[in-house]
């Protein structure tokens, strides 16, 4: 079966602070995706290494799709991305990802490292937009807390911390025995957190992970 490819045009590149940017695109037709999922994004202005995977920072129902990432000089892909102008095109395909809330996930705890908070923006916005009967908690481990003001405007439990404060944040976050944990970050971060959660009695079926080499 041929993979469906969606054409998208850059609407704007929004500076989030430091080297973090959100790239916003309009599409020729709606892309079916669930909050928390990612897609493959192919640039038209690059000869090699044209495809990368990014989670949607937008949510279904927005009039655009977007992702947020670091733009660093050592990445030809990111440099090509930064040189795009409004109206330039990309191709989006292979929407995937298991970082999705099921109906029984009524007390999700989202733990993100750095820009790994991106898919949680999509999920948390959708929870509030749909008025879902869900009580989320966010633990964001970072030096720069992406989407800080937006999250602060929403009524849910939030912990913005450095890595040295993880233990105390986990102590608070693991009090609810009905909680399900969603972890996004670098592989060593995910491994360390998973071990800490298991030590606190959280079973494997209550932990979903997505490790990024960002």
N, C-alpha and C. Protein backbone atom coordinates (compact mmCIF):
# COMPACT_ATOMS: atom_id res chain seq x y z
N UNK A 1 0.84 -1.20 0.00
CA UNK A 1 0.00 0.00 0.00
C UNK A 1 0.88 1.25 0.00
N UNK A 2 0.61 2.18 -0.90
CA UNK A 2 1.39 3.40 -1.00
C UNK A 2 1.13 4.31 0.19
N UNK A 3 2.22 4.82 0.77
CA UNK A 3 2.10 5.72 1.92
C UNK A 3 1.53 7.06 1.48
N UNK A 4 0.51 7.52 2.20
CA UNK A 4 -0.10 8.81 1.91
C UNK A 4 0.88 9.93 2.24
N UNK A 5 1.07 10.85 1.30
CA UNK A 5 1.95 12.00 1.50
C UNK A 5 1.11 13.27 1.48
N UNK A 6 1.31 14.11 2.49
CA UNK A 6 0.58 15.37 2.60
C UNK A 6 1.53 16.52 2.29
N UNK A 7 1.07 17.42 1.44
CA UNK A 7 1.86 18.61 1.11
C UNK A 7 1.52 19.73 2.08
N UNK A 8 2.56 20.42 2.53
CA UNK A 8 2.37 21.50 3.50
C UNK A 8 3.25 22.68 3.13
N UNK A 9 2.77 23.88 3.46
CA UNK A 9 3.51 25.11 3.18
C UNK A 9 3.83 25.82 4.50
N UNK A 10 5.05 26.31 4.61
CA UNK A 10 5.43 27.03 5.82
C UNK A 10 4.60 28.30 5.96
N UNK A 11 3.97 28.44 7.11
CA UNK A 11 3.21 29.65 7.43
C UNK A 11 4.08 30.64 8.20
N UNK A 12 4.76 30.12 9.23
CA UNK A 12 5.66 30.97 10.01
C UNK A 12 6.63 30.11 10.80
N UNK A 13 7.77 30.71 11.15
CA UNK A 13 8.73 30.12 12.08
C UNK A 13 8.73 31.02 13.30
N UNK A 14 8.36 30.47 14.44
CA UNK A 14 8.19 31.26 15.66
C UNK A 14 9.31 30.96 16.66
N UNK A 15 10.04 31.98 17.05
CA UNK A 15 11.15 31.80 17.99
C UNK A 15 10.59 31.63 19.40
N UNK A 16 10.96 30.52 20.05
CA UNK A 16 10.46 30.23 21.40
C UNK A 16 11.46 30.61 22.48
N UNK A 17 12.67 30.99 22.08
CA UNK A 17 13.72 31.31 23.04
C UNK A 17 14.94 30.43 22.83
N UNK A 18 16.13 31.00 23.06
CA UNK A 18 17.35 30.23 22.84
C UNK A 18 17.43 29.77 21.40
N UNK A 19 17.70 28.46 21.21
CA UNK A 19 17.74 27.93 19.84
C UNK A 19 16.48 27.12 19.52
N UNK A 20 15.41 27.36 20.27
CA UNK A 20 14.15 26.64 20.07
C UNK A 20 13.22 27.42 19.14
N UNK A 21 12.71 26.71 18.14
CA UNK A 21 11.80 27.31 17.17
C UNK A 21 10.60 26.39 16.94
N UNK A 22 9.45 27.00 16.73
CA UNK A 22 8.25 26.27 16.29
C UNK A 22 7.99 26.60 14.83
N UNK A 23 7.84 25.56 14.02
CA UNK A 23 7.58 25.72 12.59
C UNK A 23 6.13 25.35 12.32
N UNK A 24 5.40 26.31 11.76
CA UNK A 24 3.96 26.19 11.57
C UNK A 24 3.66 26.06 10.08
N UNK A 25 2.85 25.06 9.72
CA UNK A 25 2.55 24.79 8.32
C UNK A 25 1.05 24.71 8.09
N UNK A 26 0.63 25.13 6.92
CA UNK A 26 -0.73 24.85 6.45
C UNK A 26 -0.66 23.67 5.49
N UNK A 27 -1.74 22.90 5.42
CA UNK A 27 -1.75 21.70 4.60
C UNK A 27 -2.86 21.76 3.56
N UNK A 28 -2.67 20.98 2.49
CA UNK A 28 -3.68 20.98 1.43
C UNK A 28 -4.91 20.17 1.81
N UNK A 29 -4.81 19.37 2.86
CA UNK A 29 -5.95 18.62 3.40
C UNK A 29 -5.61 18.23 4.83
N UNK A 30 -6.62 17.97 5.67
CA UNK A 30 -6.35 17.63 7.07
C UNK A 30 -5.51 16.35 7.18
N UNK A 31 -4.58 16.36 8.12
CA UNK A 31 -3.76 15.18 8.39
C UNK A 31 -4.35 14.45 9.60
N UNK A 32 -4.73 13.19 9.45
CA UNK A 32 -5.27 12.46 10.60
C UNK A 32 -4.16 12.03 11.56
N UNK A 33 -4.18 12.58 12.75
CA UNK A 33 -3.21 12.19 13.78
C UNK A 33 -3.85 12.36 15.14
N UNK A 34 -3.33 11.64 16.11
CA UNK A 34 -3.80 11.75 17.48
C UNK A 34 -2.82 12.61 18.26
N UNK A 35 -3.30 13.36 19.25
CA UNK A 35 -2.37 14.13 20.09
C UNK A 35 -1.31 13.21 20.68
N UNK A 36 -0.05 13.62 20.56
CA UNK A 36 1.06 12.82 21.06
C UNK A 36 1.81 12.07 19.98
N UNK A 37 1.24 12.00 18.77
CA UNK A 37 1.91 11.27 17.70
C UNK A 37 2.93 12.14 16.97
N UNK A 38 3.72 11.47 16.12
CA UNK A 38 4.74 12.16 15.33
C UNK A 38 4.59 11.79 13.87
N UNK A 39 5.32 12.50 13.02
CA UNK A 39 5.30 12.22 11.59
C UNK A 39 6.71 12.38 11.02
N UNK A 40 6.87 11.92 9.79
CA UNK A 40 8.10 12.15 9.04
C UNK A 40 7.92 13.42 8.21
N UNK A 41 8.91 14.30 8.28
CA UNK A 41 8.85 15.59 7.59
C UNK A 41 10.01 15.65 6.60
N UNK A 42 9.68 15.81 5.32
CA UNK A 42 10.70 15.81 4.26
C UNK A 42 10.84 17.22 3.68
N UNK A 43 12.07 17.73 3.71
CA UNK A 43 12.36 19.06 3.17
C UNK A 43 12.61 18.98 1.67
N UNK A 44 12.19 20.00 0.97
CA UNK A 44 12.42 20.07 -0.47
C UNK A 44 13.68 20.85 -0.82
N UNK A 45 14.29 21.52 0.17
CA UNK A 45 15.46 22.36 -0.12
C UNK A 45 16.76 21.74 0.39
N UNK A 46 16.79 20.40 0.44
CA UNK A 46 17.98 19.70 0.93
C UNK A 46 18.18 18.46 0.06
N UNK A 47 19.42 18.21 -0.35
CA UNK A 47 19.70 17.10 -1.26
C UNK A 47 19.81 15.76 -0.53
N UNK A 48 20.46 15.74 0.65
CA UNK A 48 20.65 14.51 1.41
C UNK A 48 20.12 14.68 2.83
N UNK A 49 19.74 13.57 3.45
CA UNK A 49 19.24 13.64 4.82
C UNK A 49 18.00 14.51 4.92
N UNK A 50 17.09 14.34 3.98
CA UNK A 50 15.95 15.25 3.86
C UNK A 50 14.81 14.96 4.83
N UNK A 51 14.85 13.81 5.52
CA UNK A 51 13.71 13.40 6.35
C UNK A 51 14.11 13.33 7.82
N UNK A 52 13.24 13.87 8.67
CA UNK A 52 13.39 13.75 10.12
C UNK A 52 12.01 13.47 10.71
N UNK A 53 12.02 12.92 11.92
CA UNK A 53 10.77 12.67 12.64
C UNK A 53 10.58 13.76 13.70
N UNK A 54 9.38 14.33 13.74
CA UNK A 54 9.04 15.32 14.76
C UNK A 54 7.62 15.06 15.26
N UNK A 55 7.44 15.21 16.57
CA UNK A 55 6.09 15.14 17.13
C UNK A 55 5.32 16.41 16.79
N UNK A 56 4.02 16.26 16.66
CA UNK A 56 3.16 17.43 16.45
C UNK A 56 3.07 18.22 17.75
N UNK A 57 3.35 19.52 17.68
CA UNK A 57 3.06 20.38 18.83
C UNK A 57 1.69 21.02 18.68
N UNK A 58 1.13 20.93 17.49
CA UNK A 58 -0.27 21.33 17.26
C UNK A 58 -1.18 20.21 17.75
N UNK A 59 -2.48 20.46 17.70
CA UNK A 59 -3.43 19.41 18.05
C UNK A 59 -4.45 19.28 16.93
N UNK A 60 -5.09 18.12 16.81
CA UNK A 60 -6.15 17.98 15.81
C UNK A 60 -7.21 19.05 16.02
N UNK A 61 -7.66 19.64 14.94
CA UNK A 61 -8.64 20.72 15.05
C UNK A 61 -8.02 22.09 14.84
N UNK A 62 -6.70 22.21 15.01
CA UNK A 62 -6.02 23.46 14.66
C UNK A 62 -6.10 23.67 13.15
N UNK A 63 -5.96 24.91 12.72
CA UNK A 63 -5.96 25.19 11.28
C UNK A 63 -4.57 25.08 10.68
N UNK A 64 -3.68 24.40 11.39
CA UNK A 64 -2.30 24.23 10.95
C UNK A 64 -1.73 22.99 11.62
N UNK A 65 -0.54 22.59 11.19
CA UNK A 65 0.24 21.60 11.93
C UNK A 65 1.58 22.25 12.27
N UNK A 66 2.18 21.81 13.37
CA UNK A 66 3.44 22.41 13.77
C UNK A 66 4.30 21.42 14.53
N UNK A 67 5.60 21.69 14.54
CA UNK A 67 6.51 20.98 15.42
C UNK A 67 7.49 21.99 16.00
N UNK A 68 8.14 21.62 17.09
CA UNK A 68 9.07 22.50 17.78
C UNK A 68 10.38 21.76 17.97
N UNK A 69 11.49 22.44 17.70
CA UNK A 69 12.78 21.77 17.75
C UNK A 69 13.91 22.76 18.01
N UNK A 70 15.06 22.21 18.41
CA UNK A 70 16.29 23.00 18.46
C UNK A 70 16.78 23.24 17.03
N UNK A 71 17.28 24.43 16.76
CA UNK A 71 17.94 24.70 15.48
C UNK A 71 19.40 24.98 15.78
N UNK A 72 20.25 24.01 15.42
CA UNK A 72 21.67 24.08 15.77
C UNK A 72 22.53 24.03 14.51
N UNK A 73 23.69 24.68 14.55
CA UNK A 73 24.52 24.80 13.33
C UNK A 73 25.09 23.49 12.84
N UNK A 74 25.22 22.48 13.72
CA UNK A 74 25.83 21.21 13.29
C UNK A 74 24.88 20.32 12.51
N UNK A 75 23.62 20.72 12.40
CA UNK A 75 22.63 19.90 11.69
C UNK A 75 22.28 20.53 10.34
N UNK A 76 22.69 19.91 9.22
CA UNK A 76 22.31 20.44 7.90
C UNK A 76 20.79 20.52 7.74
N UNK A 77 20.07 19.54 8.30
CA UNK A 77 18.61 19.56 8.19
C UNK A 77 18.05 20.80 8.89
N UNK A 78 18.49 21.04 10.12
CA UNK A 78 17.96 22.18 10.87
C UNK A 78 18.35 23.50 10.21
N UNK A 79 19.55 23.56 9.63
CA UNK A 79 19.96 24.78 8.95
C UNK A 79 19.11 25.02 7.70
N UNK A 80 18.81 23.95 6.96
CA UNK A 80 17.93 24.09 5.79
C UNK A 80 16.54 24.52 6.23
N UNK A 81 16.10 23.98 7.35
CA UNK A 81 14.80 24.34 7.90
C UNK A 81 14.75 25.83 8.24
N UNK A 82 15.83 26.32 8.85
CA UNK A 82 15.87 27.72 9.28
C UNK A 82 15.90 28.69 8.10
N UNK A 83 16.29 28.20 6.93
CA UNK A 83 16.39 29.07 5.75
C UNK A 83 15.10 29.08 4.92
N UNK A 84 14.11 28.32 5.35
CA UNK A 84 12.85 28.29 4.62
C UNK A 84 12.11 29.62 4.77
N UNK A 85 11.39 29.99 3.73
CA UNK A 85 10.57 31.19 3.74
C UNK A 85 9.10 30.81 3.75
N UNK A 86 8.23 31.68 4.25
CA UNK A 86 6.79 31.40 4.17
C UNK A 86 6.39 31.06 2.74
N UNK A 87 5.63 29.98 2.60
CA UNK A 87 5.22 29.51 1.28
C UNK A 87 6.06 28.37 0.76
N UNK A 88 7.24 28.14 1.36
CA UNK A 88 8.06 27.00 0.96
C UNK A 88 7.40 25.70 1.42
N UNK A 89 7.62 24.64 0.65
CA UNK A 89 6.89 23.40 0.90
C UNK A 89 7.69 22.31 1.59
N UNK A 90 6.98 21.44 2.30
CA UNK A 90 7.52 20.20 2.85
C UNK A 90 6.51 19.10 2.58
N UNK A 91 6.96 17.87 2.76
CA UNK A 91 6.06 16.72 2.65
C UNK A 91 5.99 16.03 4.01
N UNK A 92 4.80 15.63 4.40
CA UNK A 92 4.56 14.99 5.69
C UNK A 92 3.96 13.62 5.44
N UNK A 93 4.52 12.59 6.09
CA UNK A 93 4.02 11.24 5.86
C UNK A 93 4.36 10.35 7.06
N UNK A 94 3.86 9.13 7.05
CA UNK A 94 4.10 8.13 8.10
C UNK A 94 3.82 8.68 9.49
N UNK A 95 2.57 8.98 9.75
CA UNK A 95 2.15 9.39 11.10
C UNK A 95 2.14 8.16 11.99
N UNK A 96 2.86 8.23 13.11
CA UNK A 96 3.00 7.07 14.00
C UNK A 96 3.05 7.54 15.45
N UNK A 97 3.17 6.55 16.36
CA UNK A 97 3.42 6.87 17.75
C UNK A 97 2.42 6.27 18.71
N UNK A 98 2.93 5.76 19.84
CA UNK A 98 2.09 5.14 20.86
C UNK A 98 1.87 6.05 22.07
N UNK A 99 2.37 7.28 21.99
CA UNK A 99 2.24 8.20 23.12
C UNK A 99 0.86 8.86 23.07
N UNK A 100 -0.15 8.03 23.22
CA UNK A 100 -1.54 8.45 23.02
C UNK A 100 -2.37 8.06 24.24
N UNK A 101 -3.23 8.96 24.68
CA UNK A 101 -4.09 8.67 25.82
C UNK A 101 -5.23 7.74 25.41
N UNK A 102 -5.40 6.67 26.17
CA UNK A 102 -6.58 5.81 26.02
C UNK A 102 -7.66 6.30 26.98
N UNK A 103 -8.87 5.80 26.81
CA UNK A 103 -9.98 6.25 27.65
C UNK A 103 -9.74 5.98 29.13
N UNK A 104 -8.98 4.92 29.44
CA UNK A 104 -8.77 4.58 30.85
C UNK A 104 -7.62 5.37 31.48
N UNK A 105 -6.94 6.19 30.69
CA UNK A 105 -5.86 7.02 31.23
C UNK A 105 -6.44 8.31 31.81
N UNK A 106 -7.03 8.22 32.98
CA UNK A 106 -7.69 9.38 33.57
C UNK A 106 -6.76 10.21 34.45
N UNK A 107 -5.61 9.65 34.83
CA UNK A 107 -4.65 10.37 35.66
C UNK A 107 -3.24 10.24 35.06
N UNK A 108 -3.03 10.81 33.88
CA UNK A 108 -1.71 10.69 33.26
C UNK A 108 -0.69 11.63 33.90
N UNK A 109 0.52 11.13 34.06
CA UNK A 109 1.63 11.96 34.52
C UNK A 109 2.62 12.05 33.36
N UNK A 110 2.79 13.25 32.83
CA UNK A 110 3.68 13.48 31.69
C UNK A 110 5.02 13.98 32.20
N UNK A 111 6.08 13.23 31.92
CA UNK A 111 7.42 13.62 32.36
C UNK A 111 8.29 13.82 31.13
N UNK A 112 8.75 15.05 30.92
CA UNK A 112 9.48 15.40 29.70
C UNK A 112 10.83 15.99 30.02
N UNK A 113 11.79 15.65 29.19
CA UNK A 113 13.11 16.28 29.24
C UNK A 113 13.21 17.27 28.09
N UNK A 114 13.47 18.54 28.42
CA UNK A 114 13.70 19.54 27.39
C UNK A 114 12.58 19.67 26.38
N UNK A 115 12.96 19.65 25.09
CA UNK A 115 11.98 19.81 24.01
C UNK A 115 11.07 18.59 23.89
N UNK A 116 11.33 17.56 24.68
CA UNK A 116 10.45 16.40 24.73
C UNK A 116 9.05 16.72 25.24
N UNK A 117 8.87 17.95 25.72
CA UNK A 117 7.53 18.37 26.17
C UNK A 117 6.59 18.62 24.99
N UNK A 118 7.14 18.67 23.78
CA UNK A 118 6.35 18.99 22.59
C UNK A 118 5.08 18.15 22.43
N UNK A 119 5.16 16.81 22.44
CA UNK A 119 3.92 16.04 22.26
C UNK A 119 2.93 16.24 23.40
N UNK A 120 3.43 16.59 24.58
CA UNK A 120 2.53 16.80 25.71
C UNK A 120 1.74 18.10 25.55
N UNK A 121 2.31 19.06 24.83
CA UNK A 121 1.52 20.27 24.52
C UNK A 121 0.29 19.89 23.72
N UNK A 122 0.48 19.03 22.72
CA UNK A 122 -0.64 18.58 21.90
C UNK A 122 -1.69 17.86 22.74
N UNK A 123 -1.23 16.95 23.60
CA UNK A 123 -2.15 16.16 24.42
C UNK A 123 -2.89 17.04 25.43
N UNK A 124 -2.15 17.89 26.13
CA UNK A 124 -2.76 18.71 27.18
C UNK A 124 -3.74 19.72 26.60
N UNK A 125 -3.38 20.33 25.48
CA UNK A 125 -4.33 21.26 24.84
C UNK A 125 -5.60 20.53 24.43
N UNK A 126 -5.45 19.31 23.91
CA UNK A 126 -6.61 18.54 23.47
C UNK A 126 -7.49 18.15 24.66
N UNK A 127 -6.88 17.78 25.78
CA UNK A 127 -7.66 17.45 26.98
C UNK A 127 -8.58 18.60 27.36
N UNK A 128 -8.03 19.81 27.36
CA UNK A 128 -8.82 20.97 27.77
C UNK A 128 -9.81 21.40 26.68
N UNK A 129 -9.41 21.29 25.43
CA UNK A 129 -10.31 21.69 24.34
C UNK A 129 -11.53 20.77 24.26
N UNK A 130 -11.30 19.47 24.53
CA UNK A 130 -12.39 18.49 24.46
C UNK A 130 -13.10 18.31 25.80
N UNK A 131 -12.61 19.02 26.82
CA UNK A 131 -13.18 18.90 28.17
C UNK A 131 -13.24 17.44 28.61
N UNK A 132 -12.15 16.73 28.37
CA UNK A 132 -12.09 15.31 28.72
C UNK A 132 -12.00 15.12 30.23
N UNK A 133 -12.59 14.06 30.76
CA UNK A 133 -12.53 13.80 32.21
C UNK A 133 -11.18 13.22 32.62
N UNK A 134 -10.15 14.04 32.46
CA UNK A 134 -8.78 13.61 32.69
C UNK A 134 -8.10 14.62 33.61
N UNK A 135 -7.32 14.13 34.56
CA UNK A 135 -6.58 15.00 35.48
C UNK A 135 -5.08 14.81 35.24
N UNK A 136 -4.49 15.64 34.37
CA UNK A 136 -3.07 15.44 34.03
C UNK A 136 -2.13 16.12 35.02
N UNK A 137 -0.92 15.61 35.05
CA UNK A 137 0.19 16.24 35.78
C UNK A 137 1.37 16.33 34.82
N UNK A 138 2.04 17.46 34.80
CA UNK A 138 3.22 17.64 33.95
C UNK A 138 4.45 17.87 34.82
N UNK A 139 5.49 17.09 34.55
CA UNK A 139 6.80 17.32 35.15
C UNK A 139 7.76 17.62 34.00
N UNK A 140 8.22 18.87 33.93
CA UNK A 140 9.10 19.27 32.82
C UNK A 140 10.49 19.53 33.37
N UNK A 141 11.44 18.70 32.94
CA UNK A 141 12.82 18.79 33.40
C UNK A 141 13.64 19.50 32.33
N UNK A 142 14.06 20.73 32.61
CA UNK A 142 14.73 21.51 31.56
C UNK A 142 15.39 22.74 32.15
N UNK A 143 16.30 23.32 31.37
CA UNK A 143 16.86 24.63 31.72
C UNK A 143 15.95 25.73 31.21
N UNK A 144 15.41 25.54 30.00
CA UNK A 144 14.44 26.48 29.43
C UNK A 144 13.10 25.75 29.33
N UNK A 145 12.08 26.28 29.98
CA UNK A 145 10.80 25.57 30.05
C UNK A 145 9.88 26.04 28.92
N UNK A 146 9.94 25.29 27.85
CA UNK A 146 9.16 25.55 26.65
C UNK A 146 7.67 25.54 26.97
N UNK A 147 6.92 26.48 26.36
CA UNK A 147 5.46 26.60 26.52
C UNK A 147 5.05 26.96 27.95
N UNK A 148 5.98 27.51 28.72
CA UNK A 148 5.72 27.82 30.13
C UNK A 148 4.47 28.67 30.32
N UNK A 149 4.38 29.79 29.61
CA UNK A 149 3.25 30.70 29.80
C UNK A 149 1.93 30.06 29.38
N UNK A 150 1.97 29.32 28.29
CA UNK A 150 0.74 28.66 27.82
C UNK A 150 0.26 27.63 28.83
N UNK A 151 1.17 26.80 29.33
CA UNK A 151 0.78 25.80 30.33
C UNK A 151 0.27 26.48 31.60
N UNK A 152 0.93 27.57 32.00
CA UNK A 152 0.55 28.26 33.24
C UNK A 152 -0.87 28.80 33.18
N UNK A 153 -1.37 29.04 31.97
CA UNK A 153 -2.73 29.57 31.83
C UNK A 153 -3.80 28.48 31.92
N UNK A 154 -3.37 27.22 32.01
CA UNK A 154 -4.31 26.09 32.06
C UNK A 154 -4.34 25.50 33.47
N UNK A 155 -5.52 25.06 33.92
CA UNK A 155 -5.67 24.57 35.30
C UNK A 155 -5.31 23.09 35.45
N UNK A 156 -4.04 22.80 35.61
CA UNK A 156 -3.62 21.43 35.90
C UNK A 156 -2.30 21.47 36.66
N UNK A 157 -1.93 20.36 37.29
CA UNK A 157 -0.72 20.31 38.12
C UNK A 157 0.53 20.35 37.25
N UNK A 158 1.45 21.25 37.60
CA UNK A 158 2.66 21.44 36.79
C UNK A 158 3.88 21.58 37.69
N UNK A 159 4.96 20.93 37.28
CA UNK A 159 6.23 21.03 38.00
C UNK A 159 7.31 21.35 36.97
N UNK A 160 7.89 22.54 37.05
CA UNK A 160 8.99 22.92 36.16
C UNK A 160 10.27 22.89 36.99
N UNK A 161 11.13 21.94 36.67
CA UNK A 161 12.26 21.66 37.55
C UNK A 161 13.55 21.46 36.75
N UNK A 162 14.67 21.42 37.47
CA UNK A 162 15.93 20.98 36.92
C UNK A 162 16.12 19.50 37.25
N UNK A 163 17.14 18.90 36.65
CA UNK A 163 17.33 17.46 36.83
C UNK A 163 17.61 17.09 38.28
N UNK A 164 18.18 18.04 39.04
CA UNK A 164 18.50 17.76 40.44
C UNK A 164 17.25 17.63 41.31
N UNK A 165 16.10 18.05 40.79
CA UNK A 165 14.87 18.03 41.58
C UNK A 165 13.93 16.88 41.19
N UNK A 166 14.42 15.95 40.38
CA UNK A 166 13.55 14.87 39.90
C UNK A 166 13.01 14.02 41.04
N UNK A 167 13.86 13.69 41.99
CA UNK A 167 13.44 12.80 43.08
C UNK A 167 12.23 13.36 43.83
N UNK A 168 12.28 14.64 44.20
CA UNK A 168 11.17 15.22 44.95
C UNK A 168 9.91 15.32 44.09
N UNK A 169 10.09 15.62 42.79
CA UNK A 169 8.93 15.70 41.90
C UNK A 169 8.28 14.33 41.73
N UNK A 170 9.10 13.28 41.62
CA UNK A 170 8.55 11.93 41.48
C UNK A 170 7.84 11.50 42.75
N UNK A 171 8.36 11.91 43.89
CA UNK A 171 7.73 11.56 45.16
C UNK A 171 6.30 12.08 45.19
N UNK A 172 6.11 13.30 44.69
CA UNK A 172 4.78 13.89 44.64
C UNK A 172 3.93 13.23 43.55
N UNK A 173 4.53 13.00 42.38
CA UNK A 173 3.77 12.52 41.22
C UNK A 173 3.33 11.07 41.37
N UNK A 174 3.99 10.30 42.22
CA UNK A 174 3.66 8.87 42.34
C UNK A 174 2.71 8.57 43.49
N UNK A 175 2.12 9.60 44.06
CA UNK A 175 1.19 9.37 45.17
C UNK A 175 -0.12 8.74 44.71
N UNK A 176 -0.53 9.06 43.49
CA UNK A 176 -1.80 8.54 42.97
C UNK A 176 -1.57 7.16 42.34
N UNK A 177 -2.16 6.15 42.93
CA UNK A 177 -1.95 4.77 42.46
C UNK A 177 -2.67 4.48 41.14
N UNK A 178 -3.55 5.39 40.70
CA UNK A 178 -4.24 5.21 39.42
C UNK A 178 -3.48 5.85 38.26
N UNK A 179 -2.35 6.45 38.55
CA UNK A 179 -1.62 7.21 37.53
C UNK A 179 -0.98 6.29 36.49
N UNK A 180 -0.89 6.82 35.28
CA UNK A 180 -0.13 6.21 34.19
C UNK A 180 0.94 7.21 33.78
N UNK A 181 2.14 6.72 33.50
CA UNK A 181 3.29 7.60 33.28
C UNK A 181 3.72 7.58 31.82
N UNK A 182 3.91 8.78 31.27
CA UNK A 182 4.36 8.95 29.89
C UNK A 182 5.69 9.71 29.94
N UNK A 183 6.74 9.08 29.44
CA UNK A 183 8.09 9.64 29.54
C UNK A 183 8.65 9.95 28.16
N UNK A 184 9.19 11.16 27.99
CA UNK A 184 9.82 11.53 26.73
C UNK A 184 11.15 12.22 27.04
N UNK A 185 12.21 11.76 26.37
CA UNK A 185 13.52 12.37 26.56
C UNK A 185 14.61 11.53 25.93
N UNK A 186 15.85 11.84 26.27
CA UNK A 186 16.98 11.09 25.77
C UNK A 186 16.98 9.68 26.39
N UNK A 187 17.61 8.70 25.71
CA UNK A 187 17.57 7.32 26.20
C UNK A 187 18.04 7.15 27.64
N UNK A 188 19.12 7.83 28.05
CA UNK A 188 19.61 7.66 29.42
C UNK A 188 18.63 8.25 30.43
N UNK A 189 17.96 9.33 30.06
CA UNK A 189 16.94 9.95 30.91
C UNK A 189 15.77 9.00 31.10
N UNK A 190 15.32 8.40 29.99
CA UNK A 190 14.20 7.46 30.04
C UNK A 190 14.55 6.25 30.91
N UNK A 191 15.74 5.70 30.71
CA UNK A 191 16.15 4.53 31.48
C UNK A 191 16.21 4.84 32.98
N UNK A 192 16.80 5.98 33.32
CA UNK A 192 16.91 6.36 34.73
C UNK A 192 15.53 6.56 35.36
N UNK A 193 14.65 7.26 34.65
CA UNK A 193 13.31 7.51 35.18
C UNK A 193 12.51 6.22 35.33
N UNK A 194 12.62 5.35 34.34
CA UNK A 194 11.90 4.08 34.40
C UNK A 194 12.34 3.28 35.62
N UNK A 195 13.64 3.25 35.87
CA UNK A 195 14.15 2.53 37.05
C UNK A 195 13.63 3.15 38.34
N UNK A 196 13.60 4.47 38.41
CA UNK A 196 13.11 5.15 39.61
C UNK A 196 11.62 4.86 39.83
N UNK A 197 10.85 4.86 38.75
CA UNK A 197 9.42 4.57 38.89
C UNK A 197 9.19 3.12 39.33
N UNK A 198 9.96 2.20 38.77
CA UNK A 198 9.82 0.80 39.16
C UNK A 198 10.17 0.61 40.64
N UNK A 199 11.19 1.34 41.10
CA UNK A 199 11.56 1.28 42.52
C UNK A 199 10.43 1.77 43.42
N UNK A 200 9.60 2.66 42.88
CA UNK A 200 8.48 3.20 43.65
C UNK A 200 7.21 2.37 43.48
N UNK A 201 7.35 1.22 42.83
CA UNK A 201 6.23 0.30 42.72
C UNK A 201 5.36 0.46 41.49
N UNK A 202 5.78 1.31 40.55
CA UNK A 202 5.00 1.48 39.31
C UNK A 202 5.30 0.31 38.39
N UNK A 203 4.27 -0.36 37.92
CA UNK A 203 4.45 -1.53 37.07
C UNK A 203 4.67 -1.13 35.61
N UNK A 204 5.24 -2.06 34.85
CA UNK A 204 5.63 -1.78 33.46
C UNK A 204 4.45 -1.34 32.60
N UNK A 205 3.28 -1.94 32.84
CA UNK A 205 2.12 -1.60 32.00
C UNK A 205 1.60 -0.18 32.26
N UNK A 206 2.11 0.47 33.30
CA UNK A 206 1.70 1.84 33.59
C UNK A 206 2.75 2.86 33.14
N UNK A 207 3.71 2.42 32.32
CA UNK A 207 4.76 3.31 31.84
C UNK A 207 4.83 3.23 30.31
N UNK A 208 4.71 4.37 29.64
CA UNK A 208 4.88 4.46 28.19
C UNK A 208 6.04 5.42 27.93
N UNK A 209 6.95 5.02 27.04
CA UNK A 209 8.14 5.85 26.81
C UNK A 209 8.31 6.19 25.33
N UNK A 210 9.01 7.29 25.11
CA UNK A 210 9.39 7.71 23.75
C UNK A 210 10.74 8.40 23.87
N UNK A 211 11.81 7.70 23.47
CA UNK A 211 13.13 8.31 23.60
C UNK A 211 13.54 8.95 22.29
N UNK A 212 14.12 10.13 22.42
CA UNK A 212 14.52 10.94 21.27
C UNK A 212 16.01 11.15 21.28
N UNK A 213 16.62 11.13 20.13
CA UNK A 213 18.02 11.53 20.01
C UNK A 213 18.05 12.96 19.47
N UNK A 214 17.51 13.89 20.26
CA UNK A 214 17.46 15.27 19.79
C UNK A 214 18.59 16.07 20.35
